Amino acid sequence: MAGTTVVLGPDEGTALWLLDGLYEVKASGEETGGAMTVMQITVRPGAGPPPHTHDGGEAVYVLEGNVRFHIEDDTVEAEPGSFLYFPAGTLETFEPTGDGPAKLLFIYTPGGIDRFFVEVGEPAKVREVPPPSESPPDIERIVAVGARYGLDLRLPED
């Protein structure tokens, strides 16, 4: 299937709340003919995904805020304008380190990981970082859904 042209304004695209962050689908795998998924993700300090790997590549551009990336055994501090690329299978995670939320642009190859975010997230009530969750996320469900989309979440051993 060939991709289609995707043109979105700043407040367009599917907006989801997940793990205390705002996840916005800018181009889905379906729209790009499977070539890529593009997401804009905004998270508050102290939030971020657990360590994980992807079956495909992942590129990240820091739009706003300061972010600490853990890449295999290395730690990298990134500021607005920083770019990172992780080949398939790279163990990584990140968390904002500044006073406010960080906004990042992610490009995943091949496309399709957006289906994971849609399945485990909830539709955002507004396009902003959600209030902190009052209950822990259903990590077992998130891990199981992630596995179906080539996302291997590494959780701490009890």
N, C-alpha and C. Protein backbone atom coordinates (compact mmCIF):
# COMPACT_ATOMS: atom_id res chain seq x y z
N MET A 1 0.84 -1.17 0.00
CA MET A 1 0.00 0.00 0.00
C MET A 1 0.89 1.24 0.00
N ALA A 2 0.62 2.16 -0.87
CA ALA A 2 1.34 3.42 -0.91
C ALA A 2 0.83 4.34 0.18
N GLY A 3 1.71 5.20 0.66
CA GLY A 3 1.31 6.17 1.66
C GLY A 3 0.49 7.29 1.05
N THR A 4 -0.05 8.10 1.92
CA THR A 4 -0.82 9.26 1.48
C THR A 4 -0.13 10.52 2.01
N THR A 5 -0.44 11.63 1.41
CA THR A 5 0.09 12.90 1.92
C THR A 5 -0.59 13.21 3.24
N VAL A 6 0.19 13.61 4.22
CA VAL A 6 -0.33 13.94 5.54
C VAL A 6 0.02 15.40 5.83
N VAL A 7 -0.99 16.19 6.10
CA VAL A 7 -0.79 17.61 6.45
C VAL A 7 -1.64 17.88 7.69
N LEU A 8 -0.98 18.23 8.79
CA LEU A 8 -1.69 18.50 10.04
C LEU A 8 -1.26 19.84 10.61
N GLY A 9 -2.20 20.53 11.22
CA GLY A 9 -1.89 21.75 11.95
C GLY A 9 -1.37 21.40 13.34
N PRO A 10 -0.97 22.41 14.11
CA PRO A 10 -0.39 22.17 15.43
C PRO A 10 -1.29 21.39 16.38
N ASP A 11 -2.59 21.57 16.30
CA ASP A 11 -3.51 20.89 17.22
C ASP A 11 -4.32 19.81 16.52
N GLU A 12 -3.71 19.15 15.55
CA GLU A 12 -4.39 18.08 14.82
C GLU A 12 -3.65 16.76 14.99
N GLY A 13 -4.34 15.68 14.71
CA GLY A 13 -3.81 14.34 14.90
C GLY A 13 -4.44 13.74 16.14
N THR A 14 -4.42 12.44 16.22
CA THR A 14 -4.98 11.73 17.37
C THR A 14 -4.18 12.08 18.62
N ALA A 15 -4.86 12.53 19.68
CA ALA A 15 -4.20 12.90 20.94
C ALA A 15 -4.62 11.92 22.03
N LEU A 16 -3.61 11.40 22.73
CA LEU A 16 -3.83 10.36 23.74
C LEU A 16 -3.12 10.71 25.03
N TRP A 17 -3.67 10.23 26.14
CA TRP A 17 -2.98 10.30 27.42
C TRP A 17 -2.50 8.91 27.77
N LEU A 18 -1.24 8.82 28.14
CA LEU A 18 -0.64 7.53 28.50
C LEU A 18 0.55 7.80 29.41
N LEU A 19 0.67 7.04 30.49
CA LEU A 19 1.80 7.15 31.41
C LEU A 19 2.09 8.60 31.77
N ASP A 20 1.05 9.34 32.11
CA ASP A 20 1.14 10.74 32.52
C ASP A 20 1.75 11.64 31.44
N GLY A 21 1.58 11.26 30.18
CA GLY A 21 2.08 12.08 29.08
C GLY A 21 1.02 12.28 28.02
N LEU A 22 1.27 13.27 27.15
CA LEU A 22 0.42 13.54 25.99
C LEU A 22 1.13 12.97 24.77
N TYR A 23 0.48 12.04 24.09
CA TYR A 23 1.04 11.37 22.91
C TYR A 23 0.16 11.73 21.72
N GLU A 24 0.75 12.41 20.73
CA GLU A 24 0.00 12.86 19.56
C GLU A 24 0.52 12.16 18.31
N VAL A 25 -0.37 11.47 17.61
CA VAL A 25 -0.01 10.80 16.36
C VAL A 25 -0.04 11.84 15.25
N LYS A 26 1.11 12.11 14.65
CA LYS A 26 1.20 13.08 13.56
C LYS A 26 1.12 12.39 12.20
N ALA A 27 1.63 11.17 12.10
CA ALA A 27 1.49 10.37 10.88
C ALA A 27 1.48 8.91 11.30
N SER A 28 0.43 8.20 10.98
CA SER A 28 0.30 6.80 11.37
C SER A 28 0.99 5.89 10.36
N GLY A 29 1.25 4.68 10.78
CA GLY A 29 1.81 3.70 9.87
C GLY A 29 0.92 3.46 8.67
N GLU A 30 -0.38 3.46 8.90
CA GLU A 30 -1.33 3.26 7.80
C GLU A 30 -1.24 4.41 6.79
N GLU A 31 -1.15 5.64 7.29
CA GLU A 31 -1.08 6.80 6.41
C GLU A 31 0.20 6.84 5.58
N THR A 32 1.30 6.29 6.13
CA THR A 32 2.59 6.32 5.43
C THR A 32 2.87 5.03 4.67
N GLY A 33 1.86 4.20 4.49
CA GLY A 33 2.07 2.94 3.78
C GLY A 33 3.02 2.02 4.52
N GLY A 34 3.08 2.15 5.84
CA GLY A 34 3.93 1.30 6.66
C GLY A 34 5.36 1.80 6.79
N ALA A 35 5.69 2.91 6.16
CA ALA A 35 7.07 3.40 6.17
C ALA A 35 7.51 3.91 7.54
N MET A 36 6.62 4.63 8.24
CA MET A 36 6.99 5.23 9.51
C MET A 36 5.76 5.62 10.31
N THR A 37 6.00 5.89 11.58
CA THR A 37 5.03 6.52 12.46
C THR A 37 5.72 7.74 13.03
N VAL A 38 5.02 8.87 13.04
CA VAL A 38 5.57 10.10 13.62
C VAL A 38 4.68 10.50 14.79
N MET A 39 5.30 10.71 15.95
CA MET A 39 4.58 11.06 17.17
C MET A 39 5.23 12.28 17.82
N GLN A 40 4.40 13.15 18.38
CA GLN A 40 4.88 14.22 19.24
C GLN A 40 4.48 13.83 20.65
N ILE A 41 5.46 13.76 21.55
CA ILE A 41 5.20 13.29 22.91
C ILE A 41 5.64 14.37 23.89
N THR A 42 4.74 14.71 24.82
CA THR A 42 5.02 15.70 25.85
C THR A 42 4.87 15.04 27.21
N VAL A 43 5.94 15.08 28.02
CA VAL A 43 5.90 14.45 29.34
C VAL A 43 6.49 15.39 30.39
N ARG A 44 5.98 15.25 31.60
CA ARG A 44 6.45 16.08 32.71
C ARG A 44 7.69 15.46 33.35
N PRO A 45 8.46 16.28 34.10
CA PRO A 45 9.62 15.73 34.81
C PRO A 45 9.21 14.55 35.69
N GLY A 46 10.06 13.55 35.71
CA GLY A 46 9.80 12.36 36.50
C GLY A 46 8.98 11.31 35.78
N ALA A 47 8.42 11.65 34.63
CA ALA A 47 7.63 10.69 33.85
C ALA A 47 8.49 10.19 32.70
N GLY A 48 7.97 9.22 32.00
CA GLY A 48 8.67 8.64 30.86
C GLY A 48 8.43 7.15 30.83
N PRO A 49 8.76 6.50 29.73
CA PRO A 49 8.49 5.07 29.60
C PRO A 49 9.52 4.23 30.36
N PRO A 50 9.18 2.98 30.67
CA PRO A 50 10.19 2.08 31.22
C PRO A 50 11.22 1.75 30.14
N PRO A 51 12.39 1.24 30.51
CA PRO A 51 13.36 0.83 29.50
C PRO A 51 12.70 -0.14 28.51
N HIS A 52 13.06 0.01 27.23
CA HIS A 52 12.41 -0.80 26.21
C HIS A 52 13.26 -0.88 24.95
N THR A 53 12.90 -1.82 24.09
CA THR A 53 13.50 -1.94 22.76
C THR A 53 12.36 -1.96 21.74
N HIS A 54 12.71 -1.63 20.50
CA HIS A 54 11.77 -1.69 19.38
C HIS A 54 12.32 -2.63 18.32
N ASP A 55 11.42 -3.24 17.56
CA ASP A 55 11.84 -4.07 16.42
C ASP A 55 12.44 -3.22 15.31
N GLY A 56 12.09 -1.94 15.27
CA GLY A 56 12.58 -1.04 14.23
C GLY A 56 13.40 0.09 14.81
N GLY A 57 13.79 1.03 13.96
CA GLY A 57 14.57 2.18 14.38
C GLY A 57 13.70 3.26 15.00
N GLU A 58 14.35 4.15 15.75
CA GLU A 58 13.66 5.24 16.41
C GLU A 58 14.55 6.48 16.37
N ALA A 59 14.02 7.57 15.83
CA ALA A 59 14.73 8.85 15.82
C ALA A 59 13.97 9.80 16.72
N VAL A 60 14.72 10.63 17.45
CA VAL A 60 14.11 11.57 18.40
C VAL A 60 14.72 12.95 18.21
N TYR A 61 13.87 13.96 18.15
CA TYR A 61 14.31 15.35 18.09
C TYR A 61 13.68 16.07 19.28
N VAL A 62 14.50 16.69 20.11
CA VAL A 62 14.01 17.40 21.29
C VAL A 62 13.53 18.79 20.86
N LEU A 63 12.23 19.03 21.03
CA LEU A 63 11.63 20.31 20.67
C LEU A 63 11.69 21.33 21.81
N GLU A 64 11.36 20.87 23.02
CA GLU A 64 11.33 21.75 24.20
C GLU A 64 11.78 20.96 25.42
N GLY A 65 12.44 21.64 26.34
CA GLY A 65 12.81 21.03 27.62
C GLY A 65 14.13 20.29 27.56
N ASN A 66 14.55 19.84 28.72
CA ASN A 66 15.78 19.05 28.86
C ASN A 66 15.40 17.62 29.19
N VAL A 67 16.12 16.68 28.59
CA VAL A 67 15.76 15.27 28.69
C VAL A 67 17.02 14.44 28.93
N ARG A 68 16.91 13.49 29.82
CA ARG A 68 17.99 12.53 30.06
C ARG A 68 17.61 11.21 29.37
N PHE A 69 18.47 10.76 28.47
CA PHE A 69 18.26 9.49 27.78
C PHE A 69 19.22 8.46 28.36
N HIS A 70 18.70 7.26 28.59
CA HIS A 70 19.50 6.12 29.00
C HIS A 70 19.52 5.18 27.80
N ILE A 71 20.70 5.01 27.21
CA ILE A 71 20.86 4.24 25.98
C ILE A 71 21.84 3.11 26.28
N GLU A 72 21.32 1.88 26.36
CA GLU A 72 22.14 0.74 26.79
C GLU A 72 22.79 1.12 28.12
N ASP A 73 24.13 1.20 28.19
CA ASP A 73 24.82 1.53 29.43
C ASP A 73 25.24 3.00 29.53
N ASP A 74 24.83 3.82 28.56
CA ASP A 74 25.21 5.22 28.53
C ASP A 74 24.05 6.12 28.95
N THR A 75 24.41 7.31 29.44
CA THR A 75 23.43 8.35 29.76
C THR A 75 23.80 9.59 28.97
N VAL A 76 22.80 10.20 28.32
CA VAL A 76 23.01 11.37 27.49
C VAL A 76 22.03 12.46 27.92
N GLU A 77 22.54 13.66 28.14
CA GLU A 77 21.70 14.81 28.45
C GLU A 77 21.39 15.52 27.13
N ALA A 78 20.12 15.80 26.88
CA ALA A 78 19.73 16.42 25.62
C ALA A 78 18.92 17.68 25.89
N GLU A 79 19.11 18.68 25.06
CA GLU A 79 18.40 19.95 25.17
C GLU A 79 17.69 20.23 23.85
N PRO A 80 16.87 21.28 23.78
CA PRO A 80 16.18 21.57 22.53
C PRO A 80 17.16 21.65 21.36
N GLY A 81 16.78 21.01 20.27
CA GLY A 81 17.63 20.94 19.09
C GLY A 81 18.47 19.68 19.02
N SER A 82 18.51 18.90 20.11
CA SER A 82 19.27 17.65 20.10
C SER A 82 18.55 16.60 19.29
N PHE A 83 19.33 15.75 18.62
CA PHE A 83 18.80 14.66 17.81
C PHE A 83 19.46 13.36 18.23
N LEU A 84 18.67 12.30 18.31
CA LEU A 84 19.19 10.98 18.64
C LEU A 84 18.57 9.96 17.69
N TYR A 85 19.31 8.91 17.38
CA TYR A 85 18.79 7.80 16.59
C TYR A 85 19.18 6.50 17.28
N PHE A 86 18.22 5.59 17.43
CA PHE A 86 18.45 4.29 18.02
C PHE A 86 18.15 3.21 16.99
N PRO A 87 19.13 2.37 16.65
CA PRO A 87 18.83 1.25 15.75
C PRO A 87 17.90 0.24 16.43
N ALA A 88 17.28 -0.60 15.64
CA ALA A 88 16.41 -1.67 16.17
C ALA A 88 17.15 -2.43 17.26
N GLY A 89 16.43 -2.75 18.33
CA GLY A 89 16.98 -3.56 19.41
C GLY A 89 17.75 -2.80 20.46
N THR A 90 17.88 -1.48 20.34
CA THR A 90 18.61 -0.68 21.33
C THR A 90 17.76 -0.51 22.59
N LEU A 91 18.32 -0.85 23.73
CA LEU A 91 17.62 -0.67 25.00
C LEU A 91 17.74 0.80 25.41
N GLU A 92 16.59 1.46 25.59
CA GLU A 92 16.61 2.90 25.90
C GLU A 92 15.37 3.31 26.67
N THR A 93 15.50 4.47 27.31
CA THR A 93 14.40 5.15 27.97
C THR A 93 14.79 6.60 28.14
N PHE A 94 13.88 7.41 28.63
CA PHE A 94 14.17 8.82 28.84
C PHE A 94 13.28 9.39 29.92
N GLU A 95 13.72 10.53 30.49
CA GLU A 95 12.87 11.29 31.39
C GLU A 95 13.26 12.76 31.30
N PRO A 96 12.26 13.66 31.34
CA PRO A 96 12.54 15.09 31.38
C PRO A 96 13.26 15.43 32.69
N THR A 97 14.17 16.39 32.63
CA THR A 97 14.94 16.75 33.82
C THR A 97 14.78 18.21 34.21
N GLY A 98 14.09 19.00 33.43
CA GLY A 98 13.95 20.42 33.74
C GLY A 98 12.80 20.68 34.69
N ASP A 99 12.43 21.95 34.77
CA ASP A 99 11.34 22.37 35.66
C ASP A 99 9.96 22.11 35.06
N GLY A 100 9.88 21.98 33.75
CA GLY A 100 8.59 21.79 33.11
C GLY A 100 8.62 20.62 32.16
N PRO A 101 7.51 20.40 31.47
CA PRO A 101 7.43 19.28 30.53
C PRO A 101 8.44 19.40 29.40
N ALA A 102 8.77 18.27 28.83
CA ALA A 102 9.60 18.20 27.63
C ALA A 102 8.72 17.76 26.48
N LYS A 103 8.97 18.32 25.31
CA LYS A 103 8.23 17.95 24.10
C LYS A 103 9.23 17.40 23.10
N LEU A 104 8.93 16.19 22.58
CA LEU A 104 9.84 15.51 21.68
C LEU A 104 9.10 15.02 20.44
N LEU A 105 9.80 14.97 19.32
CA LEU A 105 9.26 14.43 18.09
C LEU A 105 9.95 13.09 17.85
N PHE A 106 9.14 12.03 17.71
CA PHE A 106 9.65 10.67 17.49
C PHE A 106 9.27 10.20 16.10
N ILE A 107 10.22 9.56 15.42
CA ILE A 107 9.96 8.93 14.13
C ILE A 107 10.37 7.47 14.28
N TYR A 108 9.39 6.59 14.13
CA TYR A 108 9.62 5.15 14.25
C TYR A 108 9.56 4.52 12.86
N THR A 109 10.53 3.63 12.58
CA THR A 109 10.53 2.89 11.33
C THR A 109 10.64 1.40 11.63
N PRO A 110 9.90 0.57 10.95
CA PRO A 110 8.79 0.92 10.07
C PRO A 110 7.61 1.47 10.88
N GLY A 111 6.56 1.86 10.18
CA GLY A 111 5.38 2.40 10.84
C GLY A 111 4.54 1.33 11.48
N GLY A 112 3.61 1.76 12.32
CA GLY A 112 2.66 0.84 12.94
C GLY A 112 2.62 0.91 14.45
N ILE A 113 3.68 1.42 15.08
CA ILE A 113 3.70 1.48 16.54
C ILE A 113 2.61 2.39 17.08
N ASP A 114 2.08 3.27 16.23
CA ASP A 114 0.99 4.15 16.66
C ASP A 114 -0.21 3.33 17.13
N ARG A 115 -0.39 2.13 16.58
CA ARG A 115 -1.51 1.28 17.01
C ARG A 115 -1.36 0.86 18.46
N PHE A 116 -0.12 0.68 18.93
CA PHE A 116 0.13 0.38 20.34
C PHE A 116 -0.37 1.54 21.20
N PHE A 117 0.04 2.76 20.85
CA PHE A 117 -0.33 3.93 21.65
C PHE A 117 -1.85 4.12 21.67
N VAL A 118 -2.49 3.92 20.53
CA VAL A 118 -3.95 4.06 20.46
C VAL A 118 -4.64 3.00 21.32
N GLU A 119 -4.09 1.78 21.32
CA GLU A 119 -4.72 0.70 22.08
C GLU A 119 -4.56 0.86 23.59
N VAL A 120 -3.41 1.33 24.05
CA VAL A 120 -3.20 1.40 25.50
C VAL A 120 -3.48 2.79 26.09
N GLY A 121 -3.49 3.82 25.26
CA GLY A 121 -3.77 5.17 25.75
C GLY A 121 -5.26 5.43 25.84
N GLU A 122 -5.60 6.57 26.39
CA GLU A 122 -7.00 7.00 26.41
C GLU A 122 -7.08 8.31 25.64
N PRO A 123 -8.20 8.56 24.96
CA PRO A 123 -8.31 9.83 24.23
C PRO A 123 -8.09 11.01 25.18
N ALA A 124 -7.24 11.94 24.77
CA ALA A 124 -6.95 13.11 25.59
C ALA A 124 -8.17 14.03 25.65
N LYS A 125 -8.50 14.47 26.84
CA LYS A 125 -9.63 15.38 27.01
C LYS A 125 -9.26 16.78 26.50
N VAL A 126 -7.99 17.15 26.65
CA VAL A 126 -7.43 18.40 26.12
C VAL A 126 -6.01 18.09 25.65
N ARG A 127 -5.48 18.93 24.78
CA ARG A 127 -4.12 18.71 24.25
C ARG A 127 -3.08 19.32 25.19
N GLU A 128 -2.97 18.70 26.36
CA GLU A 128 -1.95 19.08 27.32
C GLU A 128 -1.63 17.86 28.16
N VAL A 129 -0.50 17.92 28.86
CA VAL A 129 -0.12 16.82 29.72
C VAL A 129 -1.23 16.60 30.74
N PRO A 130 -1.65 15.35 30.93
CA PRO A 130 -2.75 15.10 31.86
C PRO A 130 -2.33 15.33 33.31
N PRO A 131 -3.30 15.50 34.18
CA PRO A 131 -2.96 15.56 35.60
C PRO A 131 -2.36 14.22 36.02
N PRO A 132 -1.51 14.21 37.04
CA PRO A 132 -0.92 12.94 37.48
C PRO A 132 -2.00 11.91 37.80
N SER A 133 -1.75 10.69 37.37
CA SER A 133 -2.70 9.61 37.60
C SER A 133 -2.79 9.29 39.09
N GLU A 134 -3.99 8.97 39.53
CA GLU A 134 -4.20 8.61 40.93
C GLU A 134 -4.03 7.12 41.17
N SER A 135 -3.92 6.35 40.09
CA SER A 135 -3.72 4.91 40.23
C SER A 135 -2.61 4.47 39.29
N PRO A 136 -1.92 3.40 39.64
CA PRO A 136 -0.83 2.93 38.78
C PRO A 136 -1.37 2.39 37.46
N PRO A 137 -0.57 2.48 36.39
CA PRO A 137 -1.02 1.94 35.11
C PRO A 137 -1.06 0.42 35.15
N ASP A 138 -1.84 -0.16 34.27
CA ASP A 138 -1.93 -1.62 34.15
C ASP A 138 -0.72 -2.09 33.33
N ILE A 139 0.41 -2.22 34.00
CA ILE A 139 1.67 -2.52 33.33
C ILE A 139 1.61 -3.87 32.60
N GLU A 140 0.99 -4.86 33.20
CA GLU A 140 0.91 -6.17 32.53
C GLU A 140 0.20 -6.06 31.19
N ARG A 141 -0.87 -5.29 31.13
CA ARG A 141 -1.60 -5.08 29.87
C ARG A 141 -0.72 -4.32 28.88
N ILE A 142 -0.05 -3.26 29.34
CA ILE A 142 0.79 -2.46 28.46
C ILE A 142 1.92 -3.33 27.87
N VAL A 143 2.53 -4.16 28.70
CA VAL A 143 3.61 -5.05 28.24
C VAL A 143 3.07 -6.02 27.19
N ALA A 144 1.91 -6.62 27.45
CA ALA A 144 1.32 -7.59 26.52
C ALA A 144 0.96 -6.94 25.19
N VAL A 145 0.35 -5.77 25.23
CA VAL A 145 0.00 -5.07 24.00
C VAL A 145 1.27 -4.66 23.25
N GLY A 146 2.25 -4.15 23.98
CA GLY A 146 3.51 -3.75 23.36
C GLY A 146 4.17 -4.87 22.60
N ALA A 147 4.14 -6.07 23.16
CA ALA A 147 4.76 -7.23 22.51
C ALA A 147 4.14 -7.50 21.14
N ARG A 148 2.86 -7.23 20.99
CA ARG A 148 2.20 -7.45 19.69
C ARG A 148 2.66 -6.46 18.63
N TYR A 149 3.24 -5.34 19.06
CA TYR A 149 3.69 -4.30 18.12
C TYR A 149 5.21 -4.14 18.08
N GLY A 150 5.94 -5.17 18.54
CA GLY A 150 7.39 -5.13 18.47
C GLY A 150 8.06 -4.27 19.53
N LEU A 151 7.35 -4.01 20.61
CA LEU A 151 7.87 -3.19 21.71
C LEU A 151 8.09 -4.11 22.90
N ASP A 152 9.34 -4.21 23.35
CA ASP A 152 9.70 -5.07 24.47
C ASP A 152 10.00 -4.17 25.67
N LEU A 153 9.06 -4.07 26.59
CA LEU A 153 9.22 -3.25 27.79
C LEU A 153 9.94 -4.06 28.87
N ARG A 154 11.00 -3.50 29.42
CA ARG A 154 11.80 -4.17 30.44
C ARG A 154 11.44 -3.60 31.79
N LEU A 155 10.78 -4.39 32.59
CA LEU A 155 10.35 -3.93 33.90
C LEU A 155 11.30 -4.43 34.96
N PRO A 156 11.45 -3.68 36.05
CA PRO A 156 12.34 -4.14 37.13
C PRO A 156 11.85 -5.46 37.70
N GLU A 157 12.79 -6.31 38.07
CA GLU A 157 12.45 -7.58 38.71
C GLU A 157 12.03 -7.29 40.14
N ASP A 158 11.03 -8.00 40.63
CA ASP A 158 10.58 -7.79 42.02
C ASP A 158 11.58 -8.32 43.02
